[in-house]
Amino acid sequence: MTLFLMVLPLFLVITALLALTQGAPIFYRGPRIGENGELFDVFKFRSLDSNKAAMITKDKVLPKGSGIETPMGLFLRETRLDEIPQLLNVIKGDMNMCGPRPVRPEIAAQYAATIPDYERRFRVKPGMIGPAQAFMSHGTSKAIRSRLNNKLCRTEVSYFGEISLVFIVGACVVARTVSRIGTTVFGRRSERIEAARARVYDMRFVSDDGQSRAVFWVDEDQLILDQGNALNVPLLGRLTMLLPDGQTRNAAVELSTVQATAPNGRVQVSYKPKSEYAEHILSRYLFQAVVVPHRSEFLSAKLRRALTRSTAA
């Protein structure tokens, strides 16, 4: 109730903007599986064209790049502000603040048939904030998400941990919202693919034969790297990245097609992740397609690094 009263002004502003830009209905209401398999209706701000969404998502989750968002829909979904009405589900007792995200019955049936122990999540109440959704992207494999959910469902609840998660997610949502509004107001649209180009963490492509090549630019399906010795594709290897806090992450990839070459010895190549885990690593650490980024990207961590550099200088 306290959280709902805190966000009530924002709730009313979004409601008014949706009424002006898309008309009724303002809210989405749909069935979800709750604790012990009981059904309840989840509330969200409507962010999709209802008729198109009904056809596209009849038996699957919304595919990436569907383009069926309402005028404010993409903004609401990217910032997660469309989830605010679920505080009413928490107040009603259908959901907890933290827990596995609620799923539709038809989607749950599909995943339960292919993912071991998927239904363990229904032994607890679903959550408005799902740890798997906070730390993993929309594109992360449901099997990988399910492993985290199952682990947490078997673990004794830490109220300090859950309160911390609520505040961390809240701060990240506010930061993302301010960033999106800023780029809109000042006319600079910040696309995920453009952010990826600027976020190269001293990246290198290390082929399975041990050759290491510097990576200068990367998006979700192509990269530019040093040609070095003759580059024969297809070529297996891994993308390595150095995080700001000194940790490294690796994603197994396959270089497939040479798109272009340049006189400076660089080459543009198509690539694809070799596993669902590699996709997760790229989306979380490189493309930052998550609600909560790695702790090395927190403002406090950036300030500490800046202070350390200034002290060293």
C-alpha atoms as a PDB file:
ATOM      1  CA  MET A   1       0.000   0.000   0.000  1.00  0.00           C
ATOM      2  CA  THR A   2       2.875   2.354   0.827  1.00  0.00           C
ATOM      3  CA  LEU A   3       4.527   1.689  -2.528  1.00  0.00           C
ATOM      4  CA  PHE A   4       1.230   2.155  -4.349  1.00  0.00           C
ATOM      5  CA  LEU A   5       0.647   5.519  -2.668  1.00  0.00           C
ATOM      6  CA  MET A   6       4.217   6.546  -3.561  1.00  0.00           C
ATOM      7  CA  VAL A   7       3.712   5.776  -7.263  1.00  0.00           C
ATOM      8  CA  LEU A   8       0.082   6.974  -7.414  1.00  0.00           C
ATOM      9  CA  PRO A   9       0.965  10.329  -9.055  1.00  0.00           C
ATOM     10  CA  LEU A  10       2.926   8.483 -11.762  1.00  0.00           C
ATOM     11  CA  PHE A  11       0.078   5.982 -12.071  1.00  0.00           C
ATOM     12  CA  LEU A  12      -2.376   8.811 -12.744  1.00  0.00           C
ATOM     13  CA  VAL A  13      -0.063  10.579 -15.207  1.00  0.00           C
ATOM     14  CA  ILE A  14       0.437   7.388 -17.256  1.00  0.00           C
ATOM     15  CA  THR A  15      -3.298   6.711 -17.181  1.00  0.00           C
ATOM     16  CA  ALA A  16      -4.021  10.196 -18.532  1.00  0.00           C
ATOM     17  CA  LEU A  17      -1.358   9.934 -21.258  1.00  0.00           C
ATOM     18  CA  LEU A  18      -2.687   6.553 -22.373  1.00  0.00           C
ATOM     19  CA  ALA A  19      -6.222   7.928 -22.497  1.00  0.00           C
ATOM     20  CA  LEU A  20      -5.000  10.719 -24.784  1.00  0.00           C
ATOM     21  CA  THR A  21      -2.759   8.640 -27.037  1.00  0.00           C
ATOM     22  CA  GLN A  22      -4.590   5.327 -27.401  1.00  0.00           C
ATOM     23  CA  GLY A  23      -7.990   5.555 -25.755  1.00  0.00           C
ATOM     24  CA  ALA A  24      -9.784   2.751 -23.953  1.00  0.00           C
ATOM     25  CA  PRO A  25      -9.022   0.247 -22.671  1.00  0.00           C
ATOM     26  CA  ILE A  26      -6.250   1.727 -20.559  1.00  0.00           C
ATOM     27  CA  PHE A  27      -5.487  -1.503 -18.731  1.00  0.00           C
ATOM     28  CA  TYR A  28      -4.765  -5.055 -19.819  1.00  0.00           C
ATOM     29  CA  ARG A  29      -6.310  -7.848 -17.780  1.00  0.00           C
ATOM     30  CA  GLY A  30      -5.477 -11.473 -18.476  1.00  0.00           C
ATOM     31  CA  PRO A  31      -5.368 -14.888 -16.787  1.00  0.00           C
ATOM     32  CA  ARG A  32      -2.187 -16.090 -15.100  1.00  0.00           C
ATOM     33  CA  ILE A  33      -1.278 -19.122 -13.004  1.00  0.00           C
ATOM     34  CA  GLY A  34      -0.843 -18.379  -9.316  1.00  0.00           C
ATOM     35  CA  GLU A  35       0.213 -20.374  -6.280  1.00  0.00           C
ATOM     36  CA  ASN A  36      -0.803 -24.042  -6.396  1.00  0.00           C
ATOM     37  CA  GLY A  37      -2.061 -23.613  -9.953  1.00  0.00           C
ATOM     38  CA  GLU A  38      -4.940 -21.290  -9.110  1.00  0.00           C
ATOM     39  CA  LEU A  39      -5.838 -18.772 -11.822  1.00  0.00           C
ATOM     40  CA  PHE A  40      -6.069 -15.032 -11.300  1.00  0.00           C
ATOM     41  CA  ASP A  41      -6.245 -11.952 -13.551  1.00  0.00           C
ATOM     42  CA  VAL A  42      -3.073  -9.877 -13.778  1.00  0.00           C
ATOM     43  CA  PHE A  43      -3.243  -6.115 -14.340  1.00  0.00           C
ATOM     44  CA  LYS A  44      -0.973  -4.061 -16.594  1.00  0.00           C
ATOM     45  CA  PHE A  45      -1.114  -0.820 -18.516  1.00  0.00           C
ATOM     46  CA  ARG A  46      -2.119  -1.802 -22.057  1.00  0.00           C
ATOM     47  CA  SER A  47       0.941  -1.459 -24.267  1.00  0.00           C
ATOM     48  CA  LEU A  48      -0.042  -3.532 -27.333  1.00  0.00           C
ATOM     49  CA  ASP A  49      -2.644  -3.412 -30.072  1.00  0.00           C
ATOM     50  CA  SER A  50      -5.169  -5.779 -28.480  1.00  0.00           C
ATOM     51  CA  ASN A  51      -6.422  -7.444 -31.685  1.00  0.00           C
ATOM     52  CA  LYS A  52      -2.959  -8.011 -33.167  1.00  0.00           C
ATOM     53  CA  ALA A  53      -1.579  -9.196 -29.835  1.00  0.00           C
ATOM     54  CA  ALA A  54      -4.395 -11.721 -29.508  1.00  0.00           C
ATOM     55  CA  MET A  55      -3.463 -13.249 -32.866  1.00  0.00           C
ATOM     56  CA  ILE A  56       0.316 -13.176 -32.484  1.00  0.00           C
ATOM     57  CA  THR A  57       0.517 -14.319 -28.852  1.00  0.00           C
ATOM     58  CA  LYS A  58      -2.277 -16.871 -28.931  1.00  0.00           C
ATOM     59  CA  ASP A  59       0.086 -19.762 -28.168  1.00  0.00           C
ATOM     60  CA  LYS A  60       3.465 -18.059 -27.674  1.00  0.00           C
ATOM     61  CA  VAL A  61       5.160 -15.110 -26.032  1.00  0.00           C
ATOM     62  CA  LEU A  62       5.431 -11.859 -27.966  1.00  0.00           C
ATOM     63  CA  PRO A  63       8.293 -12.157 -30.493  1.00  0.00           C
ATOM     64  CA  LYS A  64      10.963  -9.494 -30.592  1.00  0.00           C
ATOM     65  CA  GLY A  65      10.372  -6.666 -33.060  1.00  0.00           C
ATOM     66  CA  SER A  66       6.675  -7.408 -33.543  1.00  0.00           C
ATOM     67  CA  GLY A  67       5.914  -3.693 -33.913  1.00  0.00           C
ATOM     68  CA  ILE A  68       2.408  -3.907 -32.446  1.00  0.00           C
ATOM     69  CA  GLU A  69       2.975  -1.535 -29.549  1.00  0.00           C
ATOM     70  CA  THR A  70       0.617   1.369 -28.894  1.00  0.00           C
ATOM     71  CA  PRO A  71       2.058   4.924 -29.227  1.00  0.00           C
ATOM     72  CA  MET A  72       3.440   4.746 -25.679  1.00  0.00           C
ATOM     73  CA  GLY A  73       3.694   0.971 -25.582  1.00  0.00           C
ATOM     74  CA  LEU A  74       7.361   0.564 -26.457  1.00  0.00           C
ATOM     75  CA  PHE A  75       8.387   3.166 -23.879  1.00  0.00           C
ATOM     76  CA  LEU A  76       6.285   1.505 -21.177  1.00  0.00           C
ATOM     77  CA  ARG A  77       7.619  -1.968 -21.958  1.00  0.00           C
ATOM     78  CA  GLU A  78      11.276  -0.889 -22.144  1.00  0.00           C
ATOM     79  CA  THR A  79      11.067   0.977 -18.830  1.00  0.00           C
ATOM     80  CA  ARG A  80       8.815  -1.699 -17.237  1.00  0.00           C
ATOM     81  CA  LEU A  81       6.355   1.003 -16.201  1.00  0.00           C
ATOM     82  CA  ASP A  82       3.567  -1.074 -17.734  1.00  0.00           C
ATOM     83  CA  GLU A  83       3.877  -3.389 -14.703  1.00  0.00           C
ATOM     84  CA  ILE A  84       2.910  -0.742 -12.104  1.00  0.00           C
ATOM     85  CA  PRO A  85      -0.770  -1.837 -11.884  1.00  0.00           C
ATOM     86  CA  GLN A  86       0.408  -5.222 -10.596  1.00  0.00           C
ATOM     87  CA  LEU A  87       0.793  -3.544  -7.213  1.00  0.00           C
ATOM     88  CA  LEU A  88      -2.986  -4.043  -7.079  1.00  0.00           C
ATOM     89  CA  ASN A  89      -2.440  -7.792  -7.549  1.00  0.00           C
ATOM     90  CA  VAL A  90       0.023  -7.712  -4.653  1.00  0.00           C
ATOM     91  CA  ILE A  91      -2.461  -5.835  -2.463  1.00  0.00           C
ATOM     92  CA  LYS A  92      -5.188  -8.354  -3.378  1.00  0.00           C
ATOM     93  CA  GLY A  93      -2.903 -11.228  -2.391  1.00  0.00           C
ATOM     94  CA  ASP A  94      -2.617 -12.816  -5.853  1.00  0.00           C
ATOM     95  CA  MET A  95       1.113 -12.023  -6.026  1.00  0.00           C
ATOM     96  CA  ASN A  96       4.127 -11.262  -3.865  1.00  0.00           C
ATOM     97  CA  MET A  97       6.515  -8.368  -4.459  1.00  0.00           C
ATOM     98  CA  CYS A  98       9.251 -10.873  -5.417  1.00  0.00           C
ATOM     99  CA  GLY A  99       8.872 -14.262  -7.058  1.00  0.00           C
ATOM    100  CA  PRO A 100       8.710 -16.019 -10.428  1.00  0.00           C
ATOM    101  CA  ARG A 101       6.870 -13.893 -12.960  1.00  0.00           C
ATOM    102  CA  PRO A 102       3.281 -15.038 -13.629  1.00  0.00           C
ATOM    103  CA  VAL A 103       2.687 -16.899 -16.896  1.00  0.00           C
ATOM    104  CA  ARG A 104      -0.345 -17.677 -19.028  1.00  0.00           C
ATOM    105  CA  PRO A 105      -1.742 -21.228 -18.739  1.00  0.00           C
ATOM    106  CA  GLU A 106      -1.160 -22.108 -22.407  1.00  0.00           C
ATOM    107  CA  ILE A 107       2.455 -20.913 -22.266  1.00  0.00           C
ATOM    108  CA  ALA A 108       3.067 -22.756 -18.993  1.00  0.00           C
ATOM    109  CA  ALA A 109       1.809 -25.996 -20.559  1.00  0.00           C
ATOM    110  CA  GLN A 110       4.325 -25.696 -23.410  1.00  0.00           C
ATOM    111  CA  TYR A 111       7.289 -25.006 -21.147  1.00  0.00           C
ATOM    112  CA  ALA A 112       6.302 -27.691 -18.642  1.00  0.00           C
ATOM    113  CA  ALA A 113       6.498 -30.265 -21.458  1.00  0.00           C
ATOM    114  CA  THR A 114      10.073 -29.331 -22.393  1.00  0.00           C
ATOM    115  CA  ILE A 115      11.761 -27.837 -19.298  1.00  0.00           C
ATOM    116  CA  PRO A 116      12.468 -30.203 -16.382  1.00  0.00           C
ATOM    117  CA  ASP A 117      10.816 -29.226 -13.073  1.00  0.00           C
ATOM    118  CA  TYR A 118       9.306 -26.110 -14.652  1.00  0.00           C
ATOM    119  CA  GLU A 119       6.164 -26.376 -12.523  1.00  0.00           C
ATOM    120  CA  ARG A 120       8.090 -25.916  -9.284  1.00  0.00           C
ATOM    121  CA  ARG A 121       7.476 -22.173  -9.714  1.00  0.00           C
ATOM    122  CA  PHE A 122       3.774 -22.734  -9.030  1.00  0.00           C
ATOM    123  CA  ARG A 123       4.482 -23.867  -5.457  1.00  0.00           C
ATOM    124  CA  VAL A 124       4.959 -20.216  -4.498  1.00  0.00           C
ATOM    125  CA  LYS A 125       3.126 -17.022  -5.322  1.00  0.00           C
ATOM    126  CA  PRO A 126       4.272 -15.285  -8.505  1.00  0.00           C
ATOM    127  CA  GLY A 127       6.031 -11.964  -8.063  1.00  0.00           C
ATOM    128  CA  MET A 128       5.694  -8.460  -9.421  1.00  0.00           C
ATOM    129  CA  ILE A 129       9.493  -8.444  -9.512  1.00  0.00           C
ATOM    130  CA  GLY A 130      11.028 -11.620 -10.910  1.00  0.00           C
ATOM    131  CA  PRO A 131      14.758 -12.059 -10.217  1.00  0.00           C
ATOM    132  CA  ALA A 132      15.153 -13.923 -13.512  1.00  0.00           C
ATOM    133  CA  GLN A 133      13.536 -11.047 -15.400  1.00  0.00           C
ATOM    134  CA  ALA A 134      15.560  -8.458 -13.458  1.00  0.00           C
ATOM    135  CA  PHE A 135      18.942  -9.984 -14.257  1.00  0.00           C
ATOM    136  CA  MET A 136      18.214 -11.622 -17.616  1.00  0.00           C
ATOM    137  CA  SER A 137      16.906 -10.244 -20.907  1.00  0.00           C
ATOM    138  CA  HIS A 138      13.645 -11.042 -22.685  1.00  0.00           C
ATOM    139  CA  GLY A 139      15.659 -13.150 -25.112  1.00  0.00           C
ATOM    140  CA  THR A 140      17.283 -15.333 -22.453  1.00  0.00           C
ATOM    141  CA  SER A 141      16.295 -18.973 -22.750  1.00  0.00           C
ATOM    142  CA  LYS A 142      13.326 -19.979 -20.583  1.00  0.00           C
ATOM    143  CA  ALA A 143      15.322 -23.034 -19.516  1.00  0.00           C
ATOM    144  CA  ILE A 144      18.078 -20.803 -18.103  1.00  0.00           C
ATOM    145  CA  ARG A 145      15.527 -18.588 -16.374  1.00  0.00           C
ATOM    146  CA  SER A 146      13.842 -21.687 -14.972  1.00  0.00           C
ATOM    147  CA  ARG A 147      17.081 -22.842 -13.309  1.00  0.00           C
ATOM    148  CA  LEU A 148      17.283 -19.582 -11.365  1.00  0.00           C
ATOM    149  CA  ASN A 149      13.588 -19.687 -10.470  1.00  0.00           C
ATOM    150  CA  ASN A 150      13.846 -23.290  -9.255  1.00  0.00           C
ATOM    151  CA  LYS A 151      16.867 -22.469  -7.109  1.00  0.00           C
ATOM    152  CA  LEU A 152      15.106 -19.526  -5.494  1.00  0.00           C
ATOM    153  CA  CYS A 153      11.887 -21.505  -4.974  1.00  0.00           C
ATOM    154  CA  ARG A 154      13.895 -24.040  -2.953  1.00  0.00           C
ATOM    155  CA  THR A 155      15.687 -21.362  -0.915  1.00  0.00           C
ATOM    156  CA  GLU A 156      14.456 -19.870   2.361  1.00  0.00           C
ATOM    157  CA  VAL A 157      13.169 -16.331   1.817  1.00  0.00           C
ATOM    158  CA  SER A 158      15.542 -13.506   2.710  1.00  0.00           C
ATOM    159  CA  TYR A 159      13.410 -10.469   3.443  1.00  0.00           C
ATOM    160  CA  PHE A 160      16.475  -8.233   3.444  1.00  0.00           C
ATOM    161  CA  GLY A 161      17.376  -9.597   0.004  1.00  0.00           C
ATOM    162  CA  GLU A 162      13.863  -9.052  -1.322  1.00  0.00           C
ATOM    163  CA  ILE A 163      13.624  -5.510   0.049  1.00  0.00           C
ATOM    164  CA  SER A 164      17.028  -4.779  -1.489  1.00  0.00           C
ATOM    165  CA  LEU A 165      15.857  -6.163  -4.842  1.00  0.00           C
ATOM    166  CA  VAL A 166      12.747  -3.966  -4.756  1.00  0.00           C
ATOM    167  CA  PHE A 167      14.839  -0.839  -4.240  1.00  0.00           C
ATOM    168  CA  ILE A 168      17.509  -1.839  -6.790  1.00  0.00           C
ATOM    169  CA  VAL A 169      14.902  -2.587  -9.467  1.00  0.00           C
ATOM    170  CA  GLY A 170      13.049   0.612  -8.604  1.00  0.00           C
ATOM    171  CA  ALA A 171      16.219   2.675  -8.961  1.00  0.00           C
ATOM    172  CA  CYS A 172      17.100   0.997 -12.281  1.00  0.00           C
ATOM    173  CA  VAL A 173      13.580   1.584 -13.637  1.00  0.00           C
ATOM    174  CA  VAL A 174      13.773   5.271 -12.658  1.00  0.00           C
ATOM    175  CA  ALA A 175      17.214   5.588 -14.288  1.00  0.00           C
ATOM    176  CA  ARG A 176      16.016   3.921 -17.489  1.00  0.00           C
ATOM    177  CA  THR A 177      12.890   6.081 -17.586  1.00  0.00           C
ATOM    178  CA  VAL A 178      14.889   9.303 -17.166  1.00  0.00           C
ATOM    179  CA  SER A 179      17.315   8.141 -19.872  1.00  0.00           C
ATOM    180  CA  ARG A 180      14.499   7.374 -22.345  1.00  0.00           C
ATOM    181  CA  ILE A 181      12.770  10.692 -21.659  1.00  0.00           C
ATOM    182  CA  GLY A 182      16.068  12.569 -22.020  1.00  0.00           C
ATOM    183  CA  THR A 183      16.895  11.040 -25.398  1.00  0.00           C
ATOM    184  CA  THR A 184      13.362  11.774 -26.598  1.00  0.00           C
ATOM    185  CA  VAL A 185      13.346  15.402 -25.423  1.00  0.00           C
ATOM    186  CA  PHE A 186      16.784  16.182 -26.831  1.00  0.00           C
ATOM    187  CA  GLY A 187      16.177  14.350 -30.077  1.00  0.00           C
ATOM    188  CA  ARG A 188      18.796  11.616 -29.644  1.00  0.00           C
ATOM    189  CA  ARG A 189      17.265   8.184 -29.782  1.00  0.00           C
ATOM    190  CA  SER A 190      19.443   5.676 -27.961  1.00  0.00           C
ATOM    191  CA  GLU A 191      18.965   2.324 -29.660  1.00  0.00           C
ATOM    192  CA  ARG A 192      20.253  -0.826 -28.054  1.00  0.00           C
ATOM    193  CA  ILE A 193      22.327  -1.632 -31.118  1.00  0.00           C
ATOM    194  CA  GLU A 194      24.010   1.779 -30.972  1.00  0.00           C
ATOM    195  CA  ALA A 195      24.714   1.359 -27.284  1.00  0.00           C
ATOM    196  CA  ALA A 196      26.351  -1.965 -28.058  1.00  0.00           C
ATOM    197  CA  ARG A 197      28.817  -0.305 -30.412  1.00  0.00           C
ATOM    198  CA  ALA A 198      29.917   2.090 -27.699  1.00  0.00           C
ATOM    199  CA  ARG A 199      30.088  -0.559 -24.969  1.00  0.00           C
ATOM    200  CA  VAL A 200      32.906  -2.714 -26.294  1.00  0.00           C
ATOM    201  CA  TYR A 201      34.807  -3.939 -23.229  1.00  0.00           C
ATOM    202  CA  ASP A 202      38.284  -4.307 -24.708  1.00  0.00           C
ATOM    203  CA  MET A 203      36.731  -7.142 -26.698  1.00  0.00           C
ATOM    204  CA  ARG A 204      38.657  -9.808 -28.557  1.00  0.00           C
ATOM    205  CA  PHE A 205      37.704 -12.759 -30.694  1.00  0.00           C
ATOM    206  CA  VAL A 206      39.775 -15.811 -29.774  1.00  0.00           C
ATOM    207  CA  SER A 207      39.393 -18.599 -32.314  1.00  0.00           C
ATOM    208  CA  ASP A 208      39.587 -22.261 -31.358  1.00  0.00           C
ATOM    209  CA  ASP A 209      43.050 -22.447 -32.922  1.00  0.00           C
ATOM    210  CA  GLY A 210      44.297 -19.873 -30.384  1.00  0.00           C
ATOM    211  CA  GLN A 211      44.498 -16.776 -32.603  1.00  0.00           C
ATOM    212  CA  SER A 212      43.326 -13.575 -30.925  1.00  0.00           C
ATOM    213  CA  ARG A 213      41.896 -10.612 -32.863  1.00  0.00           C
ATOM    214  CA  ALA A 214      40.806  -7.224 -31.537  1.00  0.00           C
ATOM    215  CA  VAL A 215      37.090  -6.410 -31.939  1.00  0.00           C
ATOM    216  CA  PHE A 216      36.319  -2.779 -32.803  1.00  0.00           C
ATOM    217  CA  TRP A 217      32.533  -2.802 -33.189  1.00  0.00           C
ATOM    218  CA  VAL A 218      29.745  -5.256 -32.505  1.00  0.00           C
ATOM    219  CA  ASP A 219      25.973  -5.426 -32.778  1.00  0.00           C
ATOM    220  CA  GLU A 220      23.543  -8.301 -32.408  1.00  0.00           C
ATOM    221  CA  ASP A 221      24.598 -10.161 -35.563  1.00  0.00           C
ATOM    222  CA  GLN A 222      27.771  -8.566 -36.983  1.00  0.00           C
ATOM    223  CA  LEU A 223      31.169  -7.473 -35.728  1.00  0.00           C
ATOM    224  CA  ILE A 224      34.272  -5.732 -37.071  1.00  0.00           C
ATOM    225  CA  LEU A 225      37.647  -7.172 -36.126  1.00  0.00           C
ATOM    226  CA  ASP A 226      41.272  -7.335 -37.158  1.00  0.00           C
ATOM    227  CA  GLN A 227      41.662  -9.630 -40.127  1.00  0.00           C
ATOM    228  CA  GLY A 228      45.133 -10.702 -38.937  1.00  0.00           C
ATOM    229  CA  ASN A 229      46.121 -13.861 -40.729  1.00  0.00           C
ATOM    230  CA  ALA A 230      43.781 -15.096 -43.432  1.00  0.00           C
ATOM    231  CA  LEU A 231      40.296 -15.287 -41.948  1.00  0.00           C
ATOM    232  CA  ASN A 232      38.635 -18.465 -43.137  1.00  0.00           C
ATOM    233  CA  VAL A 233      34.951 -18.741 -42.285  1.00  0.00           C
ATOM    234  CA  PRO A 234      33.051 -20.432 -40.824  1.00  0.00           C
ATOM    235  CA  LEU A 235      35.252 -20.133 -37.756  1.00  0.00           C
ATOM    236  CA  LEU A 236      34.505 -21.126 -34.163  1.00  0.00           C
ATOM    237  CA  GLY A 237      35.778 -19.238 -31.149  1.00  0.00           C
ATOM    238  CA  ARG A 238      34.721 -16.991 -28.311  1.00  0.00           C
ATOM    239  CA  LEU A 239      34.160 -13.312 -27.719  1.00  0.00           C
ATOM    240  CA  THR A 240      35.945 -12.204 -24.569  1.00  0.00           C
ATOM    241  CA  MET A 241      35.123  -8.961 -22.809  1.00  0.00           C
ATOM    242  CA  LEU A 242      36.747  -7.192 -19.881  1.00  0.00           C
ATOM    243  CA  LEU A 243      34.178  -5.680 -17.523  1.00  0.00           C
ATOM    244  CA  PRO A 244      34.895  -2.344 -15.827  1.00  0.00           C
ATOM    245  CA  ASP A 245      35.616  -4.076 -12.509  1.00  0.00           C
ATOM    246  CA  GLY A 246      38.280  -6.292 -14.081  1.00  0.00           C
ATOM    247  CA  GLN A 247      36.181  -9.461 -14.437  1.00  0.00           C
ATOM    248  CA  THR A 248      36.006 -11.231 -17.790  1.00  0.00           C
ATOM    249  CA  ARG A 249      33.113 -12.859 -19.594  1.00  0.00           C
ATOM    250  CA  ASN A 250      33.220 -15.224 -22.566  1.00  0.00           C
ATOM    251  CA  ALA A 251      30.578 -16.102 -25.156  1.00  0.00           C
ATOM    252  CA  ALA A 252      31.073 -18.945 -27.641  1.00  0.00           C
ATOM    253  CA  VAL A 253      30.277 -17.775 -31.183  1.00  0.00           C
ATOM    254  CA  GLU A 254      30.674 -18.838 -34.800  1.00  0.00           C
ATOM    255  CA  LEU A 255      31.806 -16.421 -37.509  1.00  0.00           C
ATOM    256  CA  SER A 256      29.802 -17.252 -40.606  1.00  0.00           C
ATOM    257  CA  THR A 257      30.000 -14.774 -43.512  1.00  0.00           C
ATOM    258  CA  VAL A 258      32.418 -11.996 -44.435  1.00  0.00           C
ATOM    259  CA  GLN A 259      30.316  -8.907 -45.186  1.00  0.00           C
ATOM    260  CA  ALA A 260      33.046  -6.404 -46.096  1.00  0.00           C
ATOM    261  CA  THR A 261      36.749  -5.723 -45.830  1.00  0.00           C
ATOM    262  CA  ALA A 262      38.600  -2.437 -45.295  1.00  0.00           C
ATOM    263  CA  PRO A 263      42.073  -1.256 -46.346  1.00  0.00           C
ATOM    264  CA  ASN A 264      43.093  -0.856 -42.692  1.00  0.00           C
ATOM    265  CA  GLY A 265      43.113  -4.612 -42.260  1.00  0.00           C
ATOM    266  CA  ARG A 266      39.705  -4.837 -40.626  1.00  0.00           C
ATOM    267  CA  VAL A 267      36.881  -7.094 -41.704  1.00  0.00           C
ATOM    268  CA  GLN A 268      33.134  -7.088 -41.033  1.00  0.00           C
ATOM    269  CA  VAL A 269      31.771 -10.557 -40.316  1.00  0.00           C
ATOM    270  CA  SER A 270      28.393 -12.044 -39.454  1.00  0.00           C
ATOM    271  CA  TYR A 271      28.315 -14.124 -36.291  1.00  0.00           C
ATOM    272  CA  LYS A 272      25.898 -16.053 -34.109  1.00  0.00           C
ATOM    273  CA  PRO A 273      26.060 -17.331 -30.524  1.00  0.00           C
ATOM    274  CA  LYS A 274      26.708 -21.054 -30.251  1.00  0.00           C
ATOM    275  CA  SER A 275      24.513 -21.663 -27.219  1.00  0.00           C
ATOM    276  CA  GLU A 276      21.654 -20.215 -25.207  1.00  0.00           C
ATOM    277  CA  TYR A 277      24.141 -19.405 -22.468  1.00  0.00           C
ATOM    278  CA  ALA A 278      26.277 -17.411 -24.921  1.00  0.00           C
ATOM    279  CA  GLU A 279      23.174 -15.431 -25.932  1.00  0.00           C
ATOM    280  CA  HIS A 280      22.553 -14.672 -22.264  1.00  0.00           C
ATOM    281  CA  ILE A 281      26.137 -13.461 -21.727  1.00  0.00           C
ATOM    282  CA  LEU A 282      25.957 -11.109 -24.720  1.00  0.00           C
ATOM    283  CA  SER A 283      22.529  -9.712 -23.868  1.00  0.00           C
ATOM    284  CA  ARG A 284      23.350  -9.149 -20.200  1.00  0.00           C
ATOM    285  CA  TYR A 285      26.893  -7.834 -20.287  1.00  0.00           C
ATOM    286  CA  LEU A 286      27.404  -6.393 -23.770  1.00  0.00           C
ATOM    287  CA  PHE A 287      23.991  -5.149 -24.867  1.00  0.00           C
ATOM    288  CA  GLN A 288      22.733  -4.387 -21.341  1.00  0.00           C
ATOM    289  CA  ALA A 289      19.272  -5.648 -22.351  1.00  0.00           C
ATOM    290  CA  VAL A 290      18.328  -6.187 -18.708  1.00  0.00           C
ATOM    291  CA  VAL A 291      16.557  -4.268 -15.967  1.00  0.00           C
ATOM    292  CA  VAL A 292      19.445  -4.526 -13.493  1.00  0.00           C
ATOM    293  CA  PRO A 293      22.888  -4.246 -15.107  1.00  0.00           C
ATOM    294  CA  HIS A 294      26.047  -5.804 -13.716  1.00  0.00           C
ATOM    295  CA  ARG A 295      27.101  -4.160 -10.448  1.00  0.00           C
ATOM    296  CA  SER A 296      30.185  -2.693 -12.172  1.00  0.00           C
ATOM    297  CA  GLU A 297      27.762  -0.485 -14.143  1.00  0.00           C
ATOM    298  CA  PHE A 298      26.029   0.969 -11.072  1.00  0.00           C
ATOM    299  CA  LEU A 299      26.460   4.709 -10.587  1.00  0.00           C
ATOM    300  CA  SER A 300      28.247   4.115  -7.272  1.00  0.00           C
ATOM    301  CA  ALA A 301      30.786   1.851  -9.001  1.00  0.00           C
ATOM    302  CA  LYS A 302      31.351   4.412 -11.769  1.00  0.00           C
ATOM    303  CA  LEU A 303      31.914   7.147  -9.185  1.00  0.00           C
ATOM    304  CA  ARG A 304      34.420   4.974  -7.320  1.00  0.00           C
ATOM    305  CA  ARG A 305      36.351   4.311 -10.530  1.00  0.00           C
ATOM    306  CA  ALA A 306      36.331   8.001 -11.430  1.00  0.00           C
ATOM    307  CA  LEU A 307      37.561   8.890  -7.927  1.00  0.00           C
ATOM    308  CA  THR A 308      40.300   6.265  -8.164  1.00  0.00           C
ATOM    309  CA  ARG A 309      41.464   7.618 -11.535  1.00  0.00           C
ATOM    310  CA  SER A 310      41.512  11.205 -10.295  1.00  0.00           C
ATOM    311  CA  THR A 311      43.432  10.201  -7.158  1.00  0.00           C
ATOM    312  CA  ALA A 312      45.969   8.252  -9.224  1.00  0.00           C
ATOM    313  CA  ALA A 313      46.416  11.220 -11.559  1.00  0.00           C
END
